[in-house]
Amino acid sequence: MRIAISGSHSLGKSTVVRDWLNSNPDYLWEDEPYRALSLNGPYEIAFQDKSTRLHNGLQLFYSISRVHRYSSMTDNVIFDRCPIDYLAYSQYTAETGKTDIDSDFVLSMVDAVRESLDHLDVLAFVPSSMEWPVLIEEDGIRPLDVEYRDSVDLIFKKIYRENLYNLSPVFGNLKLIELIGDQTQRLHQIQAAIESFSS
């Protein structure tokens, strides 16, 4: 089963991935592109109103290339982030008007993102929730600006709930869920999504 965890930063996505891998050691792990390309790779990637077409394009096409490695539902893999995430972050930066990322650039990404989704089975969106607040950890990696996190979260909600970029036809070919609750509940929600394929 090919699972992707999507959403704004510092909302518990990596925790979900870690917990899933601890419970399901037969799954492969695909780390998020920023860690692969910048923290552990040769590129310097910026965030917020400093990210550029190069920064987000690199992450998007790395994400797409990893997703395309897995061609069957029998491939057990979990992704920390998915190609949709780079639409949301690029849209945020486009709205600031401070770099070369603009609306035309964001729209140019949509077809490639849409095509990549046929290589996912479960897409789990982690929204910000007043019921389950998550504090931002100061780990030297994550941006500490809560307003930035929440602004990007609103874009994600428009994508997943209001059909921004018209991705809903593709969502019909996979199981789209929202992860709400504590760590155990989130794992149960993913497991239920997987079991729905055989019901």
N, C-alpha and C. Protein backbone atom coordinates (compact mmCIF):
# COMPACT_ATOMS: atom_id res chain seq x y z
N MET A 1 0.85 -1.19 0.00
CA MET A 1 0.00 0.00 0.00
C MET A 1 0.89 1.25 0.00
N ARG A 2 0.58 2.17 -0.89
CA ARG A 2 1.39 3.40 -1.03
C ARG A 2 0.67 4.54 -0.33
N ILE A 3 1.26 5.00 0.78
CA ILE A 3 0.64 5.98 1.66
C ILE A 3 1.47 7.25 1.64
N ALA A 4 0.81 8.41 1.53
CA ALA A 4 1.50 9.70 1.63
C ALA A 4 0.86 10.54 2.72
N ILE A 5 1.69 11.18 3.52
CA ILE A 5 1.23 12.07 4.59
C ILE A 5 1.49 13.50 4.14
N SER A 6 0.45 14.32 4.12
CA SER A 6 0.51 15.65 3.51
C SER A 6 0.01 16.70 4.49
N GLY A 7 0.53 17.92 4.36
CA GLY A 7 0.04 19.02 5.17
C GLY A 7 1.13 20.02 5.50
N SER A 8 0.75 21.08 6.17
CA SER A 8 1.69 22.12 6.55
C SER A 8 2.71 21.57 7.55
N HIS A 9 3.78 22.32 7.75
CA HIS A 9 4.85 21.87 8.62
C HIS A 9 4.45 21.96 10.10
N SER A 10 5.14 21.18 10.90
CA SER A 10 5.00 21.21 12.36
C SER A 10 3.58 20.90 12.82
N LEU A 11 2.96 19.91 12.17
CA LEU A 11 1.63 19.46 12.59
C LEU A 11 1.61 17.97 12.92
N GLY A 12 2.77 17.34 12.92
CA GLY A 12 2.84 15.94 13.33
C GLY A 12 2.95 14.93 12.21
N LYS A 13 3.24 15.36 10.97
CA LYS A 13 3.34 14.42 9.86
C LYS A 13 4.47 13.42 10.06
N SER A 14 5.64 13.90 10.41
CA SER A 14 6.78 13.00 10.59
C SER A 14 6.55 12.05 11.75
N THR A 15 5.82 12.51 12.76
CA THR A 15 5.48 11.63 13.88
C THR A 15 4.57 10.50 13.41
N VAL A 16 3.60 10.83 12.56
CA VAL A 16 2.73 9.79 11.99
C VAL A 16 3.56 8.77 11.22
N VAL A 17 4.47 9.26 10.39
CA VAL A 17 5.31 8.36 9.60
C VAL A 17 6.13 7.46 10.51
N ARG A 18 6.76 8.04 11.51
CA ARG A 18 7.58 7.25 12.43
C ARG A 18 6.75 6.20 13.16
N ASP A 19 5.58 6.62 13.65
CA ASP A 19 4.72 5.68 14.37
C ASP A 19 4.26 4.55 13.47
N TRP A 20 3.94 4.88 12.21
CA TRP A 20 3.50 3.85 11.27
C TRP A 20 4.62 2.85 11.00
N LEU A 21 5.82 3.35 10.80
CA LEU A 21 6.95 2.47 10.53
C LEU A 21 7.27 1.58 11.74
N ASN A 22 7.12 2.12 12.93
CA ASN A 22 7.35 1.32 14.13
C ASN A 22 6.34 0.18 14.24
N SER A 23 5.11 0.45 13.79
CA SER A 23 4.05 -0.56 13.86
C SER A 23 4.03 -1.48 12.65
N ASN A 24 4.65 -1.03 11.56
CA ASN A 24 4.62 -1.77 10.30
C ASN A 24 6.02 -1.83 9.69
N PRO A 25 6.90 -2.65 10.26
CA PRO A 25 8.29 -2.66 9.82
C PRO A 25 8.50 -3.17 8.40
N ASP A 26 7.45 -3.72 7.77
CA ASP A 26 7.57 -4.18 6.39
C ASP A 26 7.45 -3.02 5.40
N TYR A 27 7.15 -1.82 5.88
CA TYR A 27 7.00 -0.66 5.00
C TYR A 27 8.34 0.02 4.76
N LEU A 28 8.52 0.50 3.53
CA LEU A 28 9.65 1.35 3.19
C LEU A 28 9.31 2.79 3.58
N TRP A 29 10.34 3.61 3.77
CA TRP A 29 10.17 5.01 4.18
C TRP A 29 10.79 5.91 3.13
N GLU A 30 10.00 6.86 2.65
CA GLU A 30 10.52 7.90 1.76
C GLU A 30 10.47 9.22 2.53
N ASP A 31 11.65 9.73 2.88
CA ASP A 31 11.74 10.96 3.65
C ASP A 31 11.34 12.15 2.80
N GLU A 32 11.02 13.26 3.46
CA GLU A 32 10.57 14.43 2.71
C GLU A 32 11.73 15.00 1.88
N PRO A 33 11.42 15.59 0.73
CA PRO A 33 12.46 16.07 -0.18
C PRO A 33 13.43 17.06 0.45
N TYR A 34 12.95 17.95 1.33
CA TYR A 34 13.88 18.92 1.91
C TYR A 34 15.02 18.23 2.64
N ARG A 35 14.68 17.22 3.43
CA ARG A 35 15.74 16.52 4.16
C ARG A 35 16.68 15.79 3.20
N ALA A 36 16.11 15.18 2.18
CA ALA A 36 16.94 14.43 1.23
C ALA A 36 17.84 15.34 0.40
N LEU A 37 17.31 16.48 0.00
CA LEU A 37 18.04 17.35 -0.93
C LEU A 37 18.89 18.41 -0.27
N SER A 38 18.46 18.90 0.90
CA SER A 38 19.15 20.02 1.53
C SER A 38 19.89 19.60 2.80
N LEU A 39 19.17 19.04 3.75
CA LEU A 39 19.84 18.62 5.00
C LEU A 39 20.88 17.55 4.74
N ASN A 40 20.52 16.58 3.87
CA ASN A 40 21.43 15.47 3.60
C ASN A 40 21.95 15.49 2.17
N GLY A 41 21.76 16.59 1.48
CA GLY A 41 22.16 16.67 0.08
C GLY A 41 22.87 17.96 -0.25
N PRO A 42 23.07 18.22 -1.54
CA PRO A 42 23.95 19.33 -1.96
C PRO A 42 23.26 20.67 -2.16
N TYR A 43 21.94 20.75 -1.95
CA TYR A 43 21.23 21.97 -2.31
C TYR A 43 20.90 22.81 -1.08
N GLU A 44 20.90 24.12 -1.29
CA GLU A 44 20.46 25.04 -0.25
C GLU A 44 19.04 25.47 -0.60
N ILE A 45 18.09 25.07 0.23
CA ILE A 45 16.68 25.32 -0.04
C ILE A 45 16.12 26.24 1.04
N ALA A 46 15.47 27.31 0.59
CA ALA A 46 14.90 28.29 1.51
C ALA A 46 13.39 28.12 1.58
N PHE A 47 12.80 28.73 2.61
CA PHE A 47 11.36 28.62 2.86
C PHE A 47 10.69 29.99 2.78
N GLN A 48 9.40 29.94 2.96
CA GLN A 48 8.55 31.11 3.19
C GLN A 48 8.64 32.07 2.00
N ASP A 49 8.97 33.34 2.25
CA ASP A 49 9.03 34.30 1.14
C ASP A 49 10.42 34.37 0.52
N LYS A 50 11.26 33.36 0.80
CA LYS A 50 12.59 33.30 0.21
C LYS A 50 12.74 32.14 -0.76
N SER A 51 11.75 31.26 -0.80
CA SER A 51 11.86 30.11 -1.71
C SER A 51 11.67 30.57 -3.15
N THR A 52 12.34 29.90 -4.05
CA THR A 52 12.33 30.27 -5.47
C THR A 52 11.80 29.10 -6.30
N ARG A 53 11.66 29.37 -7.59
CA ARG A 53 11.26 28.30 -8.51
C ARG A 53 12.23 27.12 -8.43
N LEU A 54 13.51 27.42 -8.32
CA LEU A 54 14.50 26.35 -8.22
C LEU A 54 14.27 25.52 -6.96
N HIS A 55 14.10 26.19 -5.82
CA HIS A 55 13.91 25.47 -4.56
C HIS A 55 12.70 24.56 -4.60
N ASN A 56 11.56 25.12 -5.00
CA ASN A 56 10.33 24.33 -4.97
C ASN A 56 10.23 23.35 -6.13
N GLY A 57 10.82 23.74 -7.27
CA GLY A 57 10.85 22.82 -8.40
C GLY A 57 11.67 21.59 -8.10
N LEU A 58 12.82 21.77 -7.47
CA LEU A 58 13.65 20.62 -7.08
C LEU A 58 12.88 19.68 -6.16
N GLN A 59 12.22 20.25 -5.17
CA GLN A 59 11.50 19.41 -4.21
C GLN A 59 10.32 18.70 -4.87
N LEU A 60 9.59 19.43 -5.72
CA LEU A 60 8.45 18.83 -6.40
C LEU A 60 8.88 17.64 -7.26
N PHE A 61 9.88 17.83 -8.09
CA PHE A 61 10.22 16.77 -9.02
C PHE A 61 10.99 15.64 -8.35
N TYR A 62 11.64 15.93 -7.24
CA TYR A 62 12.19 14.83 -6.43
C TYR A 62 11.03 14.01 -5.87
N SER A 63 10.03 14.68 -5.32
CA SER A 63 8.87 14.00 -4.77
C SER A 63 8.19 13.14 -5.83
N ILE A 64 7.96 13.71 -7.01
CA ILE A 64 7.32 12.97 -8.09
C ILE A 64 8.16 11.76 -8.49
N SER A 65 9.47 11.94 -8.59
CA SER A 65 10.33 10.83 -9.00
C SER A 65 10.28 9.69 -8.00
N ARG A 66 10.19 10.01 -6.72
CA ARG A 66 10.13 8.95 -5.70
C ARG A 66 8.78 8.24 -5.75
N VAL A 67 7.70 9.01 -5.92
CA VAL A 67 6.37 8.41 -6.01
C VAL A 67 6.31 7.43 -7.19
N HIS A 68 6.91 7.80 -8.31
CA HIS A 68 6.85 6.97 -9.51
C HIS A 68 7.69 5.70 -9.40
N ARG A 69 8.48 5.57 -8.36
CA ARG A 69 9.25 4.34 -8.16
C ARG A 69 8.35 3.17 -7.78
N TYR A 70 7.15 3.47 -7.31
CA TYR A 70 6.27 2.43 -6.77
C TYR A 70 5.04 2.32 -7.65
N SER A 71 4.93 1.22 -8.38
CA SER A 71 3.92 1.11 -9.43
C SER A 71 2.71 0.26 -9.04
N SER A 72 2.74 -0.34 -7.87
CA SER A 72 1.68 -1.28 -7.53
C SER A 72 1.20 -1.09 -6.09
N MET A 73 -0.06 -1.41 -5.85
CA MET A 73 -0.60 -1.38 -4.50
C MET A 73 0.10 -2.36 -3.59
N THR A 74 0.79 -3.33 -4.16
CA THR A 74 1.52 -4.30 -3.34
C THR A 74 2.84 -3.73 -2.82
N ASP A 75 3.23 -2.57 -3.30
CA ASP A 75 4.42 -1.89 -2.77
C ASP A 75 4.05 -1.23 -1.45
N ASN A 76 4.67 -1.63 -0.38
CA ASN A 76 4.39 -1.04 0.93
C ASN A 76 5.38 0.07 1.22
N VAL A 77 4.90 1.31 1.15
CA VAL A 77 5.77 2.48 1.33
C VAL A 77 4.96 3.62 1.93
N ILE A 78 5.61 4.41 2.77
CA ILE A 78 4.97 5.60 3.31
C ILE A 78 5.86 6.82 3.03
N PHE A 79 5.23 7.86 2.50
CA PHE A 79 5.94 9.09 2.12
C PHE A 79 5.68 10.19 3.14
N ASP A 80 6.75 10.83 3.58
CA ASP A 80 6.63 12.04 4.38
C ASP A 80 6.56 13.19 3.38
N ARG A 81 5.36 13.66 3.12
CA ARG A 81 4.99 14.65 2.10
C ARG A 81 4.66 13.97 0.78
N CYS A 82 3.99 14.74 -0.09
CA CYS A 82 3.66 14.26 -1.43
C CYS A 82 3.72 15.44 -2.38
N PRO A 83 3.62 15.21 -3.70
CA PRO A 83 3.75 16.33 -4.64
C PRO A 83 2.79 17.48 -4.41
N ILE A 84 1.60 17.22 -3.89
CA ILE A 84 0.64 18.30 -3.64
C ILE A 84 1.22 19.35 -2.70
N ASP A 85 2.08 18.94 -1.79
CA ASP A 85 2.61 19.87 -0.79
C ASP A 85 3.32 21.05 -1.44
N TYR A 86 3.92 20.82 -2.61
CA TYR A 86 4.70 21.89 -3.24
C TYR A 86 3.81 22.85 -4.01
N LEU A 87 2.59 22.44 -4.32
CA LEU A 87 1.59 23.39 -4.79
C LEU A 87 1.23 24.37 -3.67
N ALA A 88 0.97 23.82 -2.49
CA ALA A 88 0.55 24.67 -1.36
C ALA A 88 1.65 25.65 -0.97
N TYR A 89 2.87 25.17 -0.84
CA TYR A 89 3.95 26.07 -0.43
C TYR A 89 4.28 27.08 -1.52
N SER A 90 4.20 26.66 -2.78
CA SER A 90 4.45 27.61 -3.86
C SER A 90 3.36 28.67 -3.93
N GLN A 91 2.12 28.27 -3.68
CA GLN A 91 1.03 29.23 -3.67
C GLN A 91 1.25 30.28 -2.58
N TYR A 92 1.70 29.84 -1.42
CA TYR A 92 1.99 30.80 -0.35
C TYR A 92 3.03 31.82 -0.81
N THR A 93 4.12 31.34 -1.38
CA THR A 93 5.19 32.23 -1.79
C THR A 93 4.73 33.14 -2.93
N ALA A 94 3.92 32.61 -3.84
CA ALA A 94 3.39 33.44 -4.94
C ALA A 94 2.60 34.61 -4.39
N GLU A 95 1.85 34.35 -3.32
CA GLU A 95 1.01 35.41 -2.75
C GLU A 95 1.83 36.49 -2.06
N THR A 96 3.07 36.18 -1.66
CA THR A 96 3.92 37.21 -1.06
C THR A 96 4.49 38.14 -2.13
N GLY A 97 4.64 37.64 -3.36
CA GLY A 97 5.18 38.46 -4.45
C GLY A 97 6.63 38.85 -4.28
N LYS A 98 7.40 38.05 -3.54
CA LYS A 98 8.77 38.46 -3.23
C LYS A 98 9.84 37.68 -3.98
N THR A 99 9.46 36.62 -4.70
CA THR A 99 10.47 35.87 -5.46
C THR A 99 9.94 35.63 -6.86
N ASP A 100 10.62 34.76 -7.60
CA ASP A 100 10.18 34.47 -8.97
C ASP A 100 9.02 33.49 -9.02
N ILE A 101 8.56 33.01 -7.87
CA ILE A 101 7.38 32.15 -7.85
C ILE A 101 6.13 33.02 -7.98
N ASP A 102 5.33 32.72 -9.00
CA ASP A 102 4.08 33.45 -9.21
C ASP A 102 2.97 32.46 -9.54
N SER A 103 1.78 32.96 -9.79
CA SER A 103 0.63 32.08 -10.05
C SER A 103 0.85 31.22 -11.28
N ASP A 104 1.49 31.76 -12.32
CA ASP A 104 1.75 30.97 -13.52
C ASP A 104 2.66 29.78 -13.20
N PHE A 105 3.64 30.00 -12.36
CA PHE A 105 4.53 28.90 -11.97
C PHE A 105 3.75 27.83 -11.22
N VAL A 106 2.90 28.24 -10.28
CA VAL A 106 2.12 27.27 -9.52
C VAL A 106 1.24 26.46 -10.46
N LEU A 107 0.55 27.12 -11.36
CA LEU A 107 -0.33 26.40 -12.29
C LEU A 107 0.45 25.47 -13.21
N SER A 108 1.69 25.82 -13.51
CA SER A 108 2.50 24.96 -14.38
C SER A 108 2.85 23.64 -13.70
N MET A 109 2.72 23.57 -12.39
CA MET A 109 3.05 22.37 -11.64
C MET A 109 1.88 21.39 -11.57
N VAL A 110 0.67 21.87 -11.82
CA VAL A 110 -0.53 21.10 -11.50
C VAL A 110 -0.62 19.80 -12.28
N ASP A 111 -0.37 19.82 -13.57
CA ASP A 111 -0.51 18.60 -14.37
C ASP A 111 0.44 17.51 -13.90
N ALA A 112 1.67 17.88 -13.59
CA ALA A 112 2.64 16.88 -13.12
C ALA A 112 2.21 16.31 -11.77
N VAL A 113 1.69 17.17 -10.92
CA VAL A 113 1.19 16.70 -9.62
C VAL A 113 0.01 15.76 -9.83
N ARG A 114 -0.93 16.16 -10.65
CA ARG A 114 -2.12 15.34 -10.89
C ARG A 114 -1.74 13.96 -11.40
N GLU A 115 -0.82 13.91 -12.34
CA GLU A 115 -0.40 12.63 -12.92
C GLU A 115 0.27 11.74 -11.89
N SER A 116 1.00 12.32 -10.95
CA SER A 116 1.73 11.52 -9.97
C SER A 116 0.80 10.82 -8.98
N LEU A 117 -0.40 11.35 -8.80
CA LEU A 117 -1.27 10.82 -7.76
C LEU A 117 -1.79 9.43 -8.06
N ASP A 118 -1.67 8.98 -9.32
CA ASP A 118 -2.12 7.62 -9.63
C ASP A 118 -1.16 6.57 -9.09
N HIS A 119 -0.07 7.02 -8.47
CA HIS A 119 0.87 6.10 -7.83
C HIS A 119 0.71 6.10 -6.31
N LEU A 120 -0.39 6.65 -5.82
CA LEU A 120 -0.69 6.62 -4.38
C LEU A 120 -2.02 5.91 -4.16
N ASP A 121 -2.13 5.24 -3.03
CA ASP A 121 -3.37 4.56 -2.66
C ASP A 121 -4.10 5.28 -1.53
N VAL A 122 -3.35 5.73 -0.54
CA VAL A 122 -3.92 6.45 0.60
C VAL A 122 -3.20 7.79 0.72
N LEU A 123 -3.97 8.87 0.69
CA LEU A 123 -3.44 10.22 0.86
C LEU A 123 -4.02 10.76 2.15
N ALA A 124 -3.16 10.95 3.15
CA ALA A 124 -3.61 11.36 4.48
C ALA A 124 -3.19 12.80 4.75
N PHE A 125 -4.19 13.67 4.81
CA PHE A 125 -3.96 15.09 5.07
C PHE A 125 -4.02 15.34 6.57
N VAL A 126 -2.99 16.03 7.09
CA VAL A 126 -2.94 16.40 8.50
C VAL A 126 -3.26 17.89 8.60
N PRO A 127 -4.50 18.25 8.98
CA PRO A 127 -4.85 19.67 9.09
C PRO A 127 -4.53 20.21 10.47
N SER A 128 -4.38 21.52 10.55
CA SER A 128 -4.32 22.18 11.85
C SER A 128 -5.71 22.11 12.47
N SER A 129 -5.76 21.83 13.77
CA SER A 129 -7.04 21.67 14.45
C SER A 129 -6.97 22.30 15.83
N MET A 130 -7.97 23.10 16.15
CA MET A 130 -8.03 23.69 17.49
C MET A 130 -8.20 22.62 18.56
N GLU A 131 -8.82 21.51 18.17
CA GLU A 131 -9.05 20.42 19.13
C GLU A 131 -7.77 19.67 19.46
N TRP A 132 -6.87 19.62 18.46
CA TRP A 132 -5.60 18.90 18.65
C TRP A 132 -4.45 19.83 18.27
N PRO A 133 -4.18 20.86 19.06
CA PRO A 133 -3.11 21.81 18.72
C PRO A 133 -1.73 21.15 18.81
N VAL A 134 -0.84 21.58 17.92
CA VAL A 134 0.53 21.07 17.91
C VAL A 134 1.47 22.26 18.01
N LEU A 135 2.35 22.23 19.00
CA LEU A 135 3.33 23.29 19.15
C LEU A 135 4.48 23.10 18.17
N ILE A 136 5.07 24.19 17.72
CA ILE A 136 6.22 24.11 16.83
C ILE A 136 7.47 23.83 17.66
N GLU A 137 8.19 22.79 17.25
CA GLU A 137 9.43 22.44 17.94
C GLU A 137 10.59 23.26 17.39
N GLU A 138 11.41 23.76 18.27
CA GLU A 138 12.60 24.51 17.84
C GLU A 138 13.74 23.52 17.67
N ASP A 139 13.81 22.94 16.48
CA ASP A 139 14.81 21.89 16.22
C ASP A 139 15.90 22.35 15.27
N GLY A 140 15.92 23.64 14.92
CA GLY A 140 16.93 24.14 14.02
C GLY A 140 16.62 23.90 12.55
N ILE A 141 15.48 23.27 12.27
CA ILE A 141 15.09 22.96 10.90
C ILE A 141 13.79 23.65 10.54
N ARG A 142 12.78 23.47 11.35
CA ARG A 142 11.44 23.98 11.03
C ARG A 142 11.37 25.49 11.22
N PRO A 143 10.68 26.17 10.30
CA PRO A 143 10.40 27.60 10.53
C PRO A 143 9.54 27.74 11.80
N LEU A 144 9.81 28.77 12.59
CA LEU A 144 9.12 28.93 13.88
C LEU A 144 7.94 29.88 13.80
N ASP A 145 7.63 30.38 12.63
CA ASP A 145 6.57 31.35 12.42
C ASP A 145 5.21 30.64 12.36
N VAL A 146 4.42 30.76 13.41
CA VAL A 146 3.12 30.08 13.47
C VAL A 146 2.18 30.61 12.39
N GLU A 147 2.24 31.91 12.12
CA GLU A 147 1.37 32.49 11.09
C GLU A 147 1.68 31.87 9.72
N TYR A 148 2.94 31.63 9.44
CA TYR A 148 3.34 30.98 8.19
C TYR A 148 2.74 29.58 8.12
N ARG A 149 2.91 28.80 9.19
CA ARG A 149 2.35 27.45 9.21
C ARG A 149 0.85 27.47 8.97
N ASP A 150 0.16 28.38 9.65
CA ASP A 150 -1.30 28.42 9.55
C ASP A 150 -1.77 28.91 8.19
N SER A 151 -1.02 29.83 7.59
CA SER A 151 -1.38 30.32 6.25
C SER A 151 -1.26 29.21 5.22
N VAL A 152 -0.19 28.43 5.33
CA VAL A 152 -0.02 27.31 4.41
C VAL A 152 -1.10 26.25 4.67
N ASP A 153 -1.44 26.04 5.92
CA ASP A 153 -2.51 25.09 6.25
C ASP A 153 -3.83 25.49 5.59
N LEU A 154 -4.13 26.77 5.55
CA LEU A 154 -5.36 27.22 4.89
C LEU A 154 -5.34 26.91 3.40
N ILE A 155 -4.17 27.00 2.77
CA ILE A 155 -4.08 26.65 1.36
C ILE A 155 -4.30 25.15 1.18
N PHE A 156 -3.70 24.35 2.06
CA PHE A 156 -3.94 22.91 1.99
C PHE A 156 -5.43 22.61 2.12
N LYS A 157 -6.11 23.28 3.03
CA LYS A 157 -7.55 23.03 3.22
C LYS A 157 -8.34 23.40 1.97
N LYS A 158 -7.91 24.45 1.27
CA LYS A 158 -8.58 24.81 0.01
C LYS A 158 -8.35 23.73 -1.05
N ILE A 159 -7.17 23.14 -1.06
CA ILE A 159 -6.87 22.07 -2.02
C ILE A 159 -7.72 20.84 -1.72
N TYR A 160 -7.73 20.42 -0.47
CA TYR A 160 -8.37 19.15 -0.12
C TYR A 160 -9.87 19.28 0.10
N ARG A 161 -10.32 20.44 0.55
CA ARG A 161 -11.74 20.57 0.89
C ARG A 161 -12.54 21.39 -0.12
N GLU A 162 -11.88 22.28 -0.85
CA GLU A 162 -12.59 23.18 -1.76
C GLU A 162 -12.19 22.99 -3.22
N ASN A 163 -11.38 21.96 -3.47
CA ASN A 163 -11.00 21.58 -4.84
C ASN A 163 -10.18 22.63 -5.57
N LEU A 164 -9.35 23.38 -4.84
CA LEU A 164 -8.39 24.25 -5.49
C LEU A 164 -7.49 23.41 -6.39
N TYR A 165 -7.28 23.85 -7.61
CA TYR A 165 -6.50 23.18 -8.66
C TYR A 165 -7.24 22.00 -9.29
N ASN A 166 -8.50 21.80 -8.92
CA ASN A 166 -9.33 20.77 -9.56
C ASN A 166 -8.68 19.38 -9.53
N LEU A 167 -8.26 18.98 -8.35
CA LEU A 167 -7.67 17.65 -8.19
C LEU A 167 -8.69 16.60 -7.76
N SER A 168 -9.92 17.00 -7.49
CA SER A 168 -10.91 16.05 -6.97
C SER A 168 -11.17 14.86 -7.89
N PRO A 169 -11.11 14.99 -9.23
CA PRO A 169 -11.29 13.78 -10.06
C PRO A 169 -10.24 12.71 -9.77
N VAL A 170 -9.01 13.14 -9.46
CA VAL A 170 -7.95 12.19 -9.16
C VAL A 170 -8.14 11.62 -7.76
N PHE A 171 -8.64 12.44 -6.84
CA PHE A 171 -8.87 11.94 -5.48
C PHE A 171 -9.85 10.78 -5.48
N GLY A 172 -10.71 10.72 -6.49
CA GLY A 172 -11.66 9.61 -6.56
C GLY A 172 -11.01 8.27 -6.82
N ASN A 173 -9.74 8.29 -7.24
CA ASN A 173 -9.02 7.04 -7.54
C ASN A 173 -8.17 6.56 -6.38
N LEU A 174 -8.18 7.30 -5.29
CA LEU A 174 -7.42 6.90 -4.11
C LEU A 174 -8.28 7.16 -2.88
N LYS A 175 -7.77 6.80 -1.73
CA LYS A 175 -8.49 7.04 -0.47
C LYS A 175 -7.90 8.28 0.18
N LEU A 176 -8.67 9.37 0.17
CA LEU A 176 -8.26 10.63 0.79
C LEU A 176 -8.88 10.71 2.18
N ILE A 177 -8.04 10.86 3.19
CA ILE A 177 -8.52 10.95 4.57
C ILE A 177 -7.87 12.14 5.26
N GLU A 178 -8.49 12.57 6.36
CA GLU A 178 -7.89 13.58 7.22
C GLU A 178 -7.55 12.92 8.55
N LEU A 179 -6.34 13.18 9.03
CA LEU A 179 -5.90 12.61 10.29
C LEU A 179 -6.15 13.60 11.42
N ILE A 180 -7.07 13.23 12.29
CA ILE A 180 -7.43 14.06 13.44
C ILE A 180 -7.35 13.19 14.69
N GLY A 181 -6.80 13.75 15.74
CA GLY A 181 -6.76 13.02 17.00
C GLY A 181 -5.34 12.80 17.48
N ASP A 182 -5.21 11.92 18.46
CA ASP A 182 -3.89 11.64 19.02
C ASP A 182 -3.14 10.66 18.13
N GLN A 183 -1.94 10.30 18.54
CA GLN A 183 -1.09 9.45 17.69
C GLN A 183 -1.74 8.11 17.39
N THR A 184 -2.35 7.51 18.38
CA THR A 184 -2.98 6.20 18.18
C THR A 184 -4.16 6.30 17.24
N GLN A 185 -4.97 7.34 17.42
CA GLN A 185 -6.13 7.51 16.54
C GLN A 185 -5.71 7.71 15.09
N ARG A 186 -4.64 8.43 14.87
CA ARG A 186 -4.19 8.67 13.50
C ARG A 186 -3.75 7.37 12.83
N LEU A 187 -3.08 6.51 13.56
CA LEU A 187 -2.70 5.22 13.00
C LEU A 187 -3.92 4.38 12.68
N HIS A 188 -4.92 4.41 13.55
CA HIS A 188 -6.15 3.66 13.30
C HIS A 188 -6.87 4.17 12.05
N GLN A 189 -6.81 5.48 11.83
CA GLN A 189 -7.46 6.06 10.65
C GLN A 189 -6.77 5.59 9.37
N ILE A 190 -5.46 5.51 9.39
CA ILE A 190 -4.74 5.01 8.22
C ILE A 190 -5.07 3.53 8.00
N GLN A 191 -5.07 2.76 9.07
CA GLN A 191 -5.37 1.34 8.95
C GLN A 191 -6.78 1.12 8.40
N ALA A 192 -7.73 1.92 8.86
CA ALA A 192 -9.11 1.80 8.36
C ALA A 192 -9.18 2.12 6.88
N ALA A 193 -8.41 3.11 6.44
CA ALA A 193 -8.38 3.46 5.02
C ALA A 193 -7.85 2.29 4.19
N ILE A 194 -6.81 1.63 4.68
CA ILE A 194 -6.26 0.48 3.97
C ILE A 194 -7.29 -0.64 3.91
N GLU A 195 -7.93 -0.89 5.02
CA GLU A 195 -8.90 -1.99 5.06
C GLU A 195 -10.11 -1.72 4.18
N SER A 196 -10.39 -0.45 3.89
CA SER A 196 -11.53 -0.12 3.04
C SER A 196 -11.35 -0.62 1.61
N PHE A 197 -10.12 -0.88 1.20
CA PHE A 197 -9.88 -1.37 -0.16
C PHE A 197 -10.39 -2.79 -0.34
N SER A 198 -10.45 -3.54 0.75
CA SER A 198 -10.88 -4.93 0.64
C SER A 198 -12.33 -5.15 1.05
N SER A 199 -13.01 -4.05 1.44
CA SER A 199 -14.41 -4.19 1.89
C SER A 199 -15.38 -4.02 0.73
